[in-house]
Amino acid sequence: MNILNLTEHLIKSVVKNPDMVSVKKIDNDSEIIIEVMVDKEDMPLVIGKRGTIIESIRTIVKASAYINNEPKVKINIDSM
């Protein structure tokens, strides 16, 4: 599973409206940026208390990228 699919799977597993999730990948020279768009109502579910859920998702995705010898990964979350 590549990091884009992994991110999408993890985000969709915590939201109420998985059909409203949009994930796209932007390749830069030294890093990969993953842009995630979720429904406005799902933003608190993705962030979690004190940011624990999004930090966990970021850790898993970064670890996957490291294991697969991919560049550094950043995940940006926004709502629609």
PDB file of N, CA and C in Angstrom:
ATOM      1  N   MET A   1       0.849  -1.177   0.000  1.00  0.00           N
ATOM      2  CA  MET A   1       0.000   0.000   0.000  1.00  0.00           C
ATOM      3  C   MET A   1       0.896   1.241   0.000  1.00  0.00           C
ATOM      4  N   ASN A   2       0.678   2.147  -0.948  1.00  0.00           N
ATOM      5  CA  ASN A   2       1.493   3.353  -0.981  1.00  0.00           C
ATOM      6  C   ASN A   2       0.996   4.362   0.060  1.00  0.00           C
ATOM      7  N   ILE A   3       1.772   5.422   0.282  1.00  0.00           N
ATOM      8  CA  ILE A   3       1.439   6.345   1.371  1.00  0.00           C
ATOM      9  C   ILE A   3       0.157   7.138   1.106  1.00  0.00           C
ATOM     10  N   LEU A   4      -0.180   7.372  -0.144  1.00  0.00           N
ATOM     11  CA  LEU A   4      -1.420   8.077  -0.458  1.00  0.00           C
ATOM     12  C   LEU A   4      -2.629   7.224  -0.080  1.00  0.00           C
ATOM     13  N   ASN A   5      -2.610   5.956  -0.478  1.00  0.00           N
ATOM     14  CA  ASN A   5      -3.707   5.047  -0.134  1.00  0.00           C
ATOM     15  C   ASN A   5      -3.771   4.798   1.368  1.00  0.00           C
ATOM     16  N   LEU A   6      -2.613   4.695   1.999  1.00  0.00           N
ATOM     17  CA  LEU A   6      -2.572   4.501   3.447  1.00  0.00           C
ATOM     18  C   LEU A   6      -3.210   5.687   4.169  1.00  0.00           C
ATOM     19  N   THR A   7      -2.847   6.893   3.765  1.00  0.00           N
ATOM     20  CA  THR A   7      -3.412   8.097   4.377  1.00  0.00           C
ATOM     21  C   THR A   7      -4.919   8.147   4.177  1.00  0.00           C
ATOM     22  N   GLU A   8      -5.357   7.885   2.963  1.00  0.00           N
ATOM     23  CA  GLU A   8      -6.789   7.905   2.669  1.00  0.00           C
ATOM     24  C   GLU A   8      -7.531   6.880   3.510  1.00  0.00           C
ATOM     25  N   HIS A   9      -6.994   5.683   3.624  1.00  0.00           N
ATOM     26  CA  HIS A   9      -7.628   4.630   4.419  1.00  0.00           C
ATOM     27  C   HIS A   9      -7.728   5.038   5.897  1.00  0.00           C
ATOM     28  N   LEU A  10      -6.651   5.586   6.455  1.00  0.00           N
ATOM     29  CA  LEU A  10      -6.648   5.981   7.856  1.00  0.00           C
ATOM     30  C   LEU A  10      -7.635   7.116   8.122  1.00  0.00           C
ATOM     31  N   ILE A  11      -7.670   8.105   7.242  1.00  0.00           N
ATOM     32  CA  ILE A  11      -8.594   9.234   7.423  1.00  0.00           C
ATOM     33  C   ILE A  11     -10.039   8.770   7.293  1.00  0.00           C
ATOM     34  N   LYS A  12     -10.324   7.969   6.278  1.00  0.00           N
ATOM     35  CA  LYS A  12     -11.701   7.501   6.074  1.00  0.00           C
ATOM     36  C   LYS A  12     -12.193   6.620   7.206  1.00  0.00           C
ATOM     37  N   SER A  13     -11.283   5.986   7.928  1.00  0.00           N
ATOM     38  CA  SER A  13     -11.706   5.105   9.021  1.00  0.00           C
ATOM     39  C   SER A  13     -12.135   5.877  10.266  1.00  0.00           C
ATOM     40  N   VAL A  14     -11.830   7.176  10.349  1.00  0.00           N
ATOM     41  CA  VAL A  14     -12.217   7.942  11.544  1.00  0.00           C
ATOM     42  C   VAL A  14     -13.331   8.963  11.296  1.00  0.00           C
ATOM     43  N   VAL A  15     -13.707   9.201  10.043  1.00  0.00           N
ATOM     44  CA  VAL A  15     -14.724  10.214   9.747  1.00  0.00           C
ATOM     45  C   VAL A  15     -16.114   9.606   9.625  1.00  0.00           C
ATOM     46  N   LYS A  16     -17.132  10.464   9.736  1.00  0.00           N
ATOM     47  CA  LYS A  16     -18.522  10.020   9.564  1.00  0.00           C
ATOM     48  C   LYS A  16     -18.936  10.009   8.099  1.00  0.00           C
ATOM     49  N   ASN A  17     -18.306  10.885   7.294  1.00  0.00           N
ATOM     50  CA  ASN A  17     -18.637  11.002   5.875  1.00  0.00           C
ATOM     51  C   ASN A  17     -17.426  10.644   5.013  1.00  0.00           C
ATOM     52  N   PRO A  18     -17.126   9.357   4.870  1.00  0.00           N
ATOM     53  CA  PRO A  18     -15.931   8.974   4.103  1.00  0.00           C
ATOM     54  C   PRO A  18     -16.002   9.363   2.627  1.00  0.00           C
ATOM     55  N   ASP A  19     -17.208   9.549   2.094  1.00  0.00           N
ATOM     56  CA  ASP A  19     -17.338   9.941   0.687  1.00  0.00           C
ATOM     57  C   ASP A  19     -16.885  11.378   0.451  1.00  0.00           C
ATOM     58  N   MET A  20     -16.808  12.172   1.509  1.00  0.00           N
ATOM     59  CA  MET A  20     -16.415  13.581   1.399  1.00  0.00           C
ATOM     60  C   MET A  20     -14.906  13.783   1.560  1.00  0.00           C
ATOM     61  N   VAL A  21     -14.157  12.697   1.722  1.00  0.00           N
ATOM     62  CA  VAL A  21     -12.709  12.794   1.922  1.00  0.00           C
ATOM     63  C   VAL A  21     -12.011  12.865   0.564  1.00  0.00           C
ATOM     64  N   SER A  22     -11.109  13.832   0.442  1.00  0.00           N
ATOM     65  CA  SER A  22     -10.306  13.980  -0.766  1.00  0.00           C
ATOM     66  C   SER A  22      -8.833  14.015  -0.356  1.00  0.00           C
ATOM     67  N   VAL A  23      -8.032  13.177  -0.993  1.00  0.00           N
ATOM     68  CA  VAL A  23      -6.613  13.103  -0.676  1.00  0.00           C
ATOM     69  C   VAL A  23      -5.815  13.231  -1.971  1.00  0.00           C
ATOM     70  N   LYS A  24      -4.863  14.162  -1.988  1.00  0.00           N
ATOM     71  CA  LYS A  24      -4.000  14.271  -3.164  1.00  0.00           C
ATOM     72  C   LYS A  24      -2.553  14.467  -2.734  1.00  0.00           C
ATOM     73  N   LYS A  25      -1.666  14.067  -3.612  1.00  0.00           N
ATOM     74  CA  LYS A  25      -0.233  14.054  -3.327  1.00  0.00           C
ATOM     75  C   LYS A  25       0.469  15.101  -4.186  1.00  0.00           C
ATOM     76  N   ILE A  26       1.340  15.882  -3.530  1.00  0.00           N
ATOM     77  CA  ILE A  26       2.136  16.887  -4.237  1.00  0.00           C
ATOM     78  C   ILE A  26       3.604  16.538  -3.998  1.00  0.00           C
ATOM     79  N   ASP A  27       4.333  16.267  -5.083  1.00  0.00           N
ATOM     80  CA  ASP A  27       5.753  15.933  -4.968  1.00  0.00           C
ATOM     81  C   ASP A  27       6.597  17.194  -5.096  1.00  0.00           C
ATOM     82  N   ASN A  28       7.424  17.432  -4.106  1.00  0.00           N
ATOM     83  CA  ASN A  28       8.419  18.505  -4.158  1.00  0.00           C
ATOM     84  C   ASN A  28       9.792  17.868  -4.305  1.00  0.00           C
ATOM     85  N   ASP A  29      10.829  18.674  -4.342  1.00  0.00           N
ATOM     86  CA  ASP A  29      12.181  18.150  -4.493  1.00  0.00           C
ATOM     87  C   ASP A  29      12.581  17.231  -3.345  1.00  0.00           C
ATOM     88  N   SER A  30      12.372  17.686  -2.128  1.00  0.00           N
ATOM     89  CA  SER A  30      12.880  16.936  -0.977  1.00  0.00           C
ATOM     90  C   SER A  30      11.796  16.328  -0.100  1.00  0.00           C
ATOM     91  N   GLU A  31      10.525  16.548  -0.436  1.00  0.00           N
ATOM     92  CA  GLU A  31       9.455  16.022   0.405  1.00  0.00           C
ATOM     93  C   GLU A  31       8.191  15.768  -0.401  1.00  0.00           C
ATOM     94  N   ILE A  32       7.289  15.029   0.223  1.00  0.00           N
ATOM     95  CA  ILE A  32       5.973  14.762  -0.344  1.00  0.00           C
ATOM     96  C   ILE A  32       4.956  15.447   0.555  1.00  0.00           C
ATOM     97  N   ILE A  33       4.060  16.210  -0.043  1.00  0.00           N
ATOM     98  CA  ILE A  33       2.999  16.859   0.721  1.00  0.00           C
ATOM     99  C   ILE A  33       1.694  16.166   0.360  1.00  0.00           C
ATOM    100  N   ILE A  34       0.973  15.727   1.376  1.00  0.00           N
ATOM    101  CA  ILE A  34      -0.318  15.095   1.169  1.00  0.00           C
ATOM    102  C   ILE A  34      -1.386  16.058   1.673  1.00  0.00           C
ATOM    103  N   GLU A  35      -2.241  16.496   0.753  1.00  0.00           N
ATOM    104  CA  GLU A  35      -3.337  17.416   1.070  1.00  0.00           C
ATOM    105  C   GLU A  35      -4.595  16.597   1.312  1.00  0.00           C
ATOM    106  N   VAL A  36      -5.184  16.749   2.501  1.00  0.00           N
ATOM    107  CA  VAL A  36      -6.390  16.018   2.858  1.00  0.00           C
ATOM    108  C   VAL A  36      -7.517  17.021   3.092  1.00  0.00           C
ATOM    109  N   MET A  37      -8.629  16.813   2.413  1.00  0.00           N
ATOM    110  CA  MET A  37      -9.822  17.637   2.606  1.00  0.00           C
ATOM    111  C   MET A  37     -10.913  16.752   3.195  1.00  0.00           C
ATOM    112  N   VAL A  38     -11.516  17.216   4.300  1.00  0.00           N
ATOM    113  CA  VAL A  38     -12.602  16.482   4.933  1.00  0.00           C
ATOM    114  C   VAL A  38     -13.786  17.419   5.121  1.00  0.00           C
ATOM    115  N   ASP A  39     -14.936  16.840   5.396  1.00  0.00           N
ATOM    116  CA  ASP A  39     -16.129  17.619   5.680  1.00  0.00           C
ATOM    117  C   ASP A  39     -15.911  18.434   6.955  1.00  0.00           C
ATOM    118  N   LYS A  40     -16.504  19.603   7.001  1.00  0.00           N
ATOM    119  CA  LYS A  40     -16.345  20.512   8.147  1.00  0.00           C
ATOM    120  C   LYS A  40     -16.709  19.825   9.473  1.00  0.00           C
ATOM    121  N   GLU A  41     -17.751  18.997   9.452  1.00  0.00           N
ATOM    122  CA  GLU A  41     -18.199  18.297  10.661  1.00  0.00           C
ATOM    123  C   GLU A  41     -17.216  17.209  11.099  1.00  0.00           C
ATOM    124  N   ASP A  42     -16.417  16.704  10.175  1.00  0.00           N
ATOM    125  CA  ASP A  42     -15.476  15.627  10.488  1.00  0.00           C
ATOM    126  C   ASP A  42     -14.122  16.120  10.992  1.00  0.00           C
ATOM    127  N   MET A  43     -13.859  17.406  10.886  1.00  0.00           N
ATOM    128  CA  MET A  43     -12.559  17.940  11.289  1.00  0.00           C
ATOM    129  C   MET A  43     -12.209  17.607  12.746  1.00  0.00           C
ATOM    130  N   PRO A  44     -13.130  17.778  13.710  1.00  0.00           N
ATOM    131  CA  PRO A  44     -12.781  17.411  15.092  1.00  0.00           C
ATOM    132  C   PRO A  44     -12.475  15.920  15.266  1.00  0.00           C
ATOM    133  N   LEU A  45     -13.128  15.082  14.461  1.00  0.00           N
ATOM    134  CA  LEU A  45     -12.871  13.640  14.549  1.00  0.00           C
ATOM    135  C   LEU A  45     -11.475  13.301  14.040  1.00  0.00           C
ATOM    136  N   VAL A  46     -11.030  13.994  13.006  1.00  0.00           N
ATOM    137  CA  VAL A  46      -9.712  13.735  12.437  1.00  0.00           C
ATOM    138  C   VAL A  46      -8.614  14.270  13.362  1.00  0.00           C
ATOM    139  N   ILE A  47      -8.855  15.422  13.956  1.00  0.00           N
ATOM    140  CA  ILE A  47      -7.839  16.012  14.835  1.00  0.00           C
ATOM    141  C   ILE A  47      -7.769  15.279  16.167  1.00  0.00           C
ATOM    142  N   GLY A  48      -8.916  15.010  16.782  1.00  0.00           N
ATOM    143  CA  GLY A  48      -8.938  14.326  18.072  1.00  0.00           C
ATOM    144  C   GLY A  48      -8.577  15.272  19.215  1.00  0.00           C
ATOM    145  N   LYS A  49      -8.684  14.775  20.431  1.00  0.00           N
ATOM    146  CA  LYS A  49      -8.329  15.573  21.604  1.00  0.00           C
ATOM    147  C   LYS A  49      -6.845  15.878  21.589  1.00  0.00           C
ATOM    148  N   ARG A  50      -6.540  17.159  21.687  1.00  0.00           N
ATOM    149  CA  ARG A  50      -5.149  17.638  21.707  1.00  0.00           C
ATOM    150  C   ARG A  50      -4.355  17.188  20.483  1.00  0.00           C
ATOM    151  N   GLY A  51      -5.034  16.874  19.397  1.00  0.00           N
ATOM    152  CA  GLY A  51      -4.348  16.500  18.162  1.00  0.00           C
ATOM    153  C   GLY A  51      -3.804  15.088  18.133  1.00  0.00           C
ATOM    154  N   THR A  52      -4.276  14.239  19.036  1.00  0.00           N
ATOM    155  CA  THR A  52      -3.698  12.892  19.136  1.00  0.00           C
ATOM    156  C   THR A  52      -3.968  12.025  17.902  1.00  0.00           C
ATOM    157  N   ILE A  53      -5.156  12.129  17.326  1.00  0.00           N
ATOM    158  CA  ILE A  53      -5.474  11.266  16.185  1.00  0.00           C
ATOM    159  C   ILE A  53      -4.660  11.666  14.962  1.00  0.00           C
ATOM    160  N   ILE A  54      -4.618  12.950  14.645  1.00  0.00           N
ATOM    161  CA  ILE A  54      -3.864  13.370  13.457  1.00  0.00           C
ATOM    162  C   ILE A  54      -2.365  13.120  13.650  1.00  0.00           C
ATOM    163  N   GLU A  55      -1.868  13.296  14.846  1.00  0.00           N
ATOM    164  CA  GLU A  55      -0.446  13.013  15.095  1.00  0.00           C
ATOM    165  C   GLU A  55      -0.152  11.522  14.925  1.00  0.00           C
ATOM    166  N   SER A  56      -1.079  10.672  15.334  1.00  0.00           N
ATOM    167  CA  SER A  56      -0.908   9.228  15.148  1.00  0.00           C
ATOM    168  C   SER A  56      -0.906   8.868  13.666  1.00  0.00           C
ATOM    169  N   ILE A  57      -1.820   9.475  12.915  1.00  0.00           N
ATOM    170  CA  ILE A  57      -1.875   9.226  11.474  1.00  0.00           C
ATOM    171  C   ILE A  57      -0.579   9.689  10.818  1.00  0.00           C
ATOM    172  N   ARG A  58      -0.103  10.870  11.202  1.00  0.00           N
ATOM    173  CA  ARG A  58       1.161  11.378  10.642  1.00  0.00           C
ATOM    174  C   ARG A  58       2.326  10.448  10.960  1.00  0.00           C
ATOM    175  N   THR A  59       2.371   9.935  12.174  1.00  0.00           N
ATOM    176  CA  THR A  59       3.455   9.030  12.580  1.00  0.00           C
ATOM    177  C   THR A  59       3.437   7.755  11.749  1.00  0.00           C
ATOM    178  N   ILE A  60       2.255   7.182  11.548  1.00  0.00           N
ATOM    179  CA  ILE A  60       2.129   5.945  10.768  1.00  0.00           C
ATOM    180  C   ILE A  60       2.551   6.175   9.320  1.00  0.00           C
ATOM    181  N   VAL A  61       2.100   7.269   8.729  1.00  0.00           N
ATOM    182  CA  VAL A  61       2.422   7.559   7.329  1.00  0.00           C
ATOM    183  C   VAL A  61       3.916   7.845   7.170  1.00  0.00           C
ATOM    184  N   LYS A  62       4.486   8.613   8.097  1.00  0.00           N
ATOM    185  CA  LYS A  62       5.923   8.905   8.032  1.00  0.00           C
ATOM    186  C   LYS A  62       6.751   7.635   8.203  1.00  0.00           C
ATOM    187  N   ALA A  63       6.327   6.746   9.078  1.00  0.00           N
ATOM    188  CA  ALA A  63       7.043   5.483   9.275  1.00  0.00           C
ATOM    189  C   ALA A  63       6.966   4.629   8.007  1.00  0.00           C
ATOM    190  N   SER A  64       5.815   4.606   7.370  1.00  0.00           N
ATOM    191  CA  SER A  64       5.657   3.853   6.129  1.00  0.00           C
ATOM    192  C   SER A  64       6.556   4.416   5.033  1.00  0.00           C
ATOM    193  N   ALA A  65       6.615   5.739   4.947  1.00  0.00           N
ATOM    194  CA  ALA A  65       7.486   6.371   3.948  1.00  0.00           C
ATOM    195  C   ALA A  65       8.946   6.033   4.221  1.00  0.00           C
ATOM    196  N   TYR A  66       9.346   6.061   5.479  1.00  0.00           N
ATOM    197  CA  TYR A  66      10.728   5.751   5.846  1.00  0.00           C
ATOM    198  C   TYR A  66      11.075   4.307   5.491  1.00  0.00           C
ATOM    199  N   ILE A  67      10.193   3.382   5.813  1.00  0.00           N
ATOM    200  CA  ILE A  67      10.428   1.963   5.534  1.00  0.00           C
ATOM    201  C   ILE A  67      10.553   1.719   4.024  1.00  0.00           C
ATOM    202  N   ASN A  68       9.768   2.468   3.237  1.00  0.00           N
ATOM    203  CA  ASN A  68       9.775   2.291   1.779  1.00  0.00           C
ATOM    204  C   ASN A  68      10.757   3.226   1.065  1.00  0.00           C
ATOM    205  N   ASN A  69      11.692   3.814   1.834  1.00  0.00           N
ATOM    206  CA  ASN A  69      12.728   4.699   1.283  1.00  0.00           C
ATOM    207  C   ASN A  69      12.157   5.839   0.443  1.00  0.00           C
ATOM    208  N   GLU A  70      11.064   6.422   0.914  1.00  0.00           N
ATOM    209  CA  GLU A  70      10.461   7.568   0.240  1.00  0.00           C
ATOM    210  C   GLU A  70      10.907   8.845   0.950  1.00  0.00           C
ATOM    211  N   PRO A  71      10.780   9.998   0.295  1.00  0.00           N
ATOM    212  CA  PRO A  71      11.183  11.259   0.934  1.00  0.00           C
ATOM    213  C   PRO A  71      10.315  11.592   2.145  1.00  0.00           C
ATOM    214  N   LYS A  72      10.716  12.621   2.863  1.00  0.00           N
ATOM    215  CA  LYS A  72       9.978  13.111   4.020  1.00  0.00           C
ATOM    216  C   LYS A  72       8.539  13.454   3.614  1.00  0.00           C
ATOM    217  N   VAL A  73       7.581  13.192   4.510  1.00  0.00           N
ATOM    218  CA  VAL A  73       6.164  13.395   4.219  1.00  0.00           C
ATOM    219  C   VAL A  73       5.575  14.435   5.164  1.00  0.00           C
ATOM    220  N   LYS A  74       4.770  15.334   4.607  1.00  0.00           N
ATOM    221  CA  LYS A  74       3.982  16.286   5.391  1.00  0.00           C
ATOM    222  C   LYS A  74       2.521  16.052   5.055  1.00  0.00           C
ATOM    223  N   ILE A  75       1.657  16.103   6.065  1.00  0.00           N
ATOM    224  CA  ILE A  75       0.222  15.948   5.843  1.00  0.00           C
ATOM    225  C   ILE A  75      -0.471  17.228   6.275  1.00  0.00           C
ATOM    226  N   ASN A  76      -1.195  17.842   5.350  1.00  0.00           N
ATOM    227  CA  ASN A  76      -1.985  19.046   5.634  1.00  0.00           C
ATOM    228  C   ASN A  76      -3.459  18.689   5.582  1.00  0.00           C
ATOM    229  N   ILE A  77      -4.201  19.087   6.620  1.00  0.00           N
ATOM    230  CA  ILE A  77      -5.632  18.788   6.708  1.00  0.00           C
ATOM    231  C   ILE A  77      -6.402  20.102   6.609  1.00  0.00           C
ATOM    232  N   ASP A  78      -7.490  20.090   5.848  1.00  0.00           N
ATOM    233  CA  ASP A  78      -8.373  21.244   5.771  1.00  0.00           C
ATOM    234  C   ASP A  78      -9.801  20.744   5.592  1.00  0.00           C
ATOM    235  N   SER A  79     -10.759  21.626   5.843  1.00  0.00           N
ATOM    236  CA  SER A  79     -12.168  21.224   5.699  1.00  0.00           C
ATOM    237  C   SER A  79     -12.795  21.923   4.506  1.00  0.00           C
ATOM    238  N   MET A  80     -13.874  21.315   3.997  1.00  0.00           N
ATOM    239  CA  MET A  80     -14.599  21.863   2.846  1.00  0.00           C
ATOM    240  C   MET A  80     -15.777  22.668   3.339  1.00  0.00           C
TER     241      MET A  80
END
